[in-house]
């Protein structure tokens, strides 16, 4: 059970908790975006090292396909993990 401030209704406490969760999600997304930009630069530099400064369109498409494949794979893994967590720790139904 979450702690309520004095005089706060359960609806207000729920709203406060929802706002806090959403704020944390947005901050996490922002930090993830910064990390993704850093990895993007590192991977592009790696491909430039492999294919040289004369990288052509095929090399860029190869880069895009590899990154897309990795992102899709991670997305599926995260979705599976979310399902497991929801089943295990989801809200309990009172009978």
C-alpha atoms as a PDB file:
ATOM      1  CA  UNK A   1       0.000   0.000   0.000  1.00  0.00           C
ATOM      2  CA  UNK A   2       1.288   3.428  -0.862  1.00  0.00           C
ATOM      3  CA  UNK A   3       1.634   6.120   1.786  1.00  0.00           C
ATOM      4  CA  UNK A   4      -0.746   9.025   1.531  1.00  0.00           C
ATOM      5  CA  UNK A   5      -0.053  12.555   2.603  1.00  0.00           C
ATOM      6  CA  UNK A   6      -2.296  13.918   5.364  1.00  0.00           C
ATOM      7  CA  UNK A   7      -5.682  14.900   3.930  1.00  0.00           C
ATOM      8  CA  UNK A   8      -4.992  13.210   0.595  1.00  0.00           C
ATOM      9  CA  UNK A   9      -7.677  10.976  -0.897  1.00  0.00           C
ATOM     10  CA  UNK A  10      -6.858   7.603  -2.402  1.00  0.00           C
ATOM     11  CA  UNK A  11      -7.653   9.035  -5.843  1.00  0.00           C
ATOM     12  CA  UNK A  12      -5.159  11.865  -5.321  1.00  0.00           C
ATOM     13  CA  UNK A  13      -2.536   9.404  -4.074  1.00  0.00           C
ATOM     14  CA  UNK A  14      -3.135   7.235  -7.130  1.00  0.00           C
ATOM     15  CA  UNK A  15      -2.747  10.243  -9.412  1.00  0.00           C
ATOM     16  CA  UNK A  16       0.469  11.250  -7.641  1.00  0.00           C
ATOM     17  CA  UNK A  17       1.837   7.727  -8.089  1.00  0.00           C
ATOM     18  CA  UNK A  18       0.836   7.682 -11.761  1.00  0.00           C
ATOM     19  CA  UNK A  19       2.566  11.019 -12.396  1.00  0.00           C
ATOM     20  CA  UNK A  20       5.700   9.816 -10.612  1.00  0.00           C
ATOM     21  CA  UNK A  21       5.791   6.580 -12.637  1.00  0.00           C
ATOM     22  CA  UNK A  22       5.266   8.418 -15.924  1.00  0.00           C
ATOM     23  CA  UNK A  23       7.999  10.935 -15.050  1.00  0.00           C
ATOM     24  CA  UNK A  24      10.424   8.099 -14.336  1.00  0.00           C
ATOM     25  CA  UNK A  25       9.470   6.405 -17.622  1.00  0.00           C
ATOM     26  CA  UNK A  26      10.106   9.628 -19.549  1.00  0.00           C
ATOM     27  CA  UNK A  27      13.456  10.219 -17.840  1.00  0.00           C
ATOM     28  CA  UNK A  28      14.478   6.633 -18.583  1.00  0.00           C
ATOM     29  CA  UNK A  29      13.456   7.091 -22.217  1.00  0.00           C
ATOM     30  CA  UNK A  30      15.515  10.279 -22.462  1.00  0.00           C
ATOM     31  CA  UNK A  31      18.632   8.607 -21.040  1.00  0.00           C
ATOM     32  CA  UNK A  32      18.062   5.623 -23.333  1.00  0.00           C
ATOM     33  CA  UNK A  33      17.897   7.964 -26.314  1.00  0.00           C
ATOM     34  CA  UNK A  34      21.223   9.554 -25.339  1.00  0.00           C
ATOM     35  CA  UNK A  35      22.792   6.096 -25.017  1.00  0.00           C
ATOM     36  CA  UNK A  36      21.340   5.089 -28.394  1.00  0.00           C
ATOM     37  CA  UNK A  37      22.919   8.142 -30.020  1.00  0.00           C
ATOM     38  CA  UNK A  38      26.288   7.223 -28.526  1.00  0.00           C
ATOM     39  CA  UNK A  39      25.990   3.624 -29.762  1.00  0.00           C
ATOM     40  CA  UNK A  40      24.866   4.846 -33.180  1.00  0.00           C
ATOM     41  CA  UNK A  41      28.023   6.931 -33.499  1.00  0.00           C
ATOM     42  CA  UNK A  42      30.210   4.055 -32.274  1.00  0.00           C
ATOM     43  CA  UNK A  43      28.662   1.572 -34.707  1.00  0.00           C
ATOM     44  CA  UNK A  44      28.917   4.018 -37.615  1.00  0.00           C
ATOM     45  CA  UNK A  45      32.587   4.549 -36.794  1.00  0.00           C
ATOM     46  CA  UNK A  46      33.085   0.774 -36.657  1.00  0.00           C
ATOM     47  CA  UNK A  47      31.471   0.343 -40.098  1.00  0.00           C
ATOM     48  CA  UNK A  48      33.595   3.186 -41.443  1.00  0.00           C
ATOM     49  CA  UNK A  49      36.658   1.352 -40.118  1.00  0.00           C
ATOM     50  CA  UNK A  50      35.538  -1.910 -41.785  1.00  0.00           C
ATOM     51  CA  UNK A  51      34.381  -0.507 -45.127  1.00  0.00           C
ATOM     52  CA  UNK A  52      36.666   2.513 -45.274  1.00  0.00           C
ATOM     53  CA  UNK A  53      35.860   6.143 -45.959  1.00  0.00           C
ATOM     54  CA  UNK A  54      34.397   5.223 -49.347  1.00  0.00           C
ATOM     55  CA  UNK A  55      31.418   3.464 -47.720  1.00  0.00           C
ATOM     56  CA  UNK A  56      28.697   3.027 -50.279  1.00  0.00           C
ATOM     57  CA  UNK A  57      24.943   2.700 -50.099  1.00  0.00           C
ATOM     58  CA  UNK A  58      25.161  -1.091 -49.663  1.00  0.00           C
ATOM     59  CA  UNK A  59      27.249  -0.681 -46.495  1.00  0.00           C
ATOM     60  CA  UNK A  60      24.733   1.788 -45.068  1.00  0.00           C
ATOM     61  CA  UNK A  61      21.847  -0.549 -45.833  1.00  0.00           C
ATOM     62  CA  UNK A  62      23.746  -3.413 -44.205  1.00  0.00           C
ATOM     63  CA  UNK A  63      24.215  -1.233 -41.127  1.00  0.00           C
ATOM     64  CA  UNK A  64      20.484  -0.366 -41.082  1.00  0.00           C
ATOM     65  CA  UNK A  65      19.439  -4.024 -41.465  1.00  0.00           C
ATOM     66  CA  UNK A  66      21.738  -5.191 -38.674  1.00  0.00           C
ATOM     67  CA  UNK A  67      20.625  -2.454 -36.276  1.00  0.00           C
ATOM     68  CA  UNK A  68      16.956  -3.081 -37.112  1.00  0.00           C
ATOM     69  CA  UNK A  69      17.364  -6.807 -36.507  1.00  0.00           C
ATOM     70  CA  UNK A  70      18.973  -6.206 -33.136  1.00  0.00           C
ATOM     71  CA  UNK A  71      16.256  -3.726 -32.112  1.00  0.00           C
ATOM     72  CA  UNK A  72      13.448  -6.109 -33.152  1.00  0.00           C
ATOM     73  CA  UNK A  73      15.081  -8.992 -31.266  1.00  0.00           C
ATOM     74  CA  UNK A  74      15.448  -6.852 -28.124  1.00  0.00           C
ATOM     75  CA  UNK A  75      11.831  -5.709 -28.487  1.00  0.00           C
ATOM     76  CA  UNK A  76      10.576  -9.296 -28.582  1.00  0.00           C
ATOM     77  CA  UNK A  77      12.691 -10.215 -25.560  1.00  0.00           C
ATOM     78  CA  UNK A  78      11.406  -7.224 -23.591  1.00  0.00           C
ATOM     79  CA  UNK A  79       7.796  -8.040 -24.512  1.00  0.00           C
ATOM     80  CA  UNK A  80       8.285 -11.610 -23.293  1.00  0.00           C
ATOM     81  CA  UNK A  81       9.888 -10.359 -20.082  1.00  0.00           C
ATOM     82  CA  UNK A  82       7.003  -7.940 -19.546  1.00  0.00           C
ATOM     83  CA  UNK A  83       4.484 -10.766 -19.916  1.00  0.00           C
ATOM     84  CA  UNK A  84       6.356 -12.928 -17.410  1.00  0.00           C
ATOM     85  CA  UNK A  85       6.569 -10.081 -14.893  1.00  0.00           C
ATOM     86  CA  UNK A  86       2.897  -9.184 -15.313  1.00  0.00           C
ATOM     87  CA  UNK A  87       1.839 -12.805 -14.785  1.00  0.00           C
ATOM     88  CA  UNK A  88       4.064 -13.206 -11.755  1.00  0.00           C
ATOM     89  CA  UNK A  89       3.673  -9.821 -10.053  1.00  0.00           C
ATOM     90  CA  UNK A  90       0.465  -8.433 -11.541  1.00  0.00           C
ATOM     91  CA  UNK A  91      -2.313  -7.091  -9.375  1.00  0.00           C
ATOM     92  CA  UNK A  92      -3.957  -9.721  -7.198  1.00  0.00           C
ATOM     93  CA  UNK A  93      -7.689 -10.195  -7.685  1.00  0.00           C
ATOM     94  CA  UNK A  94      -9.648 -10.188  -4.436  1.00  0.00           C
ATOM     95  CA  UNK A  95     -12.220 -12.999  -4.354  1.00  0.00           C
END
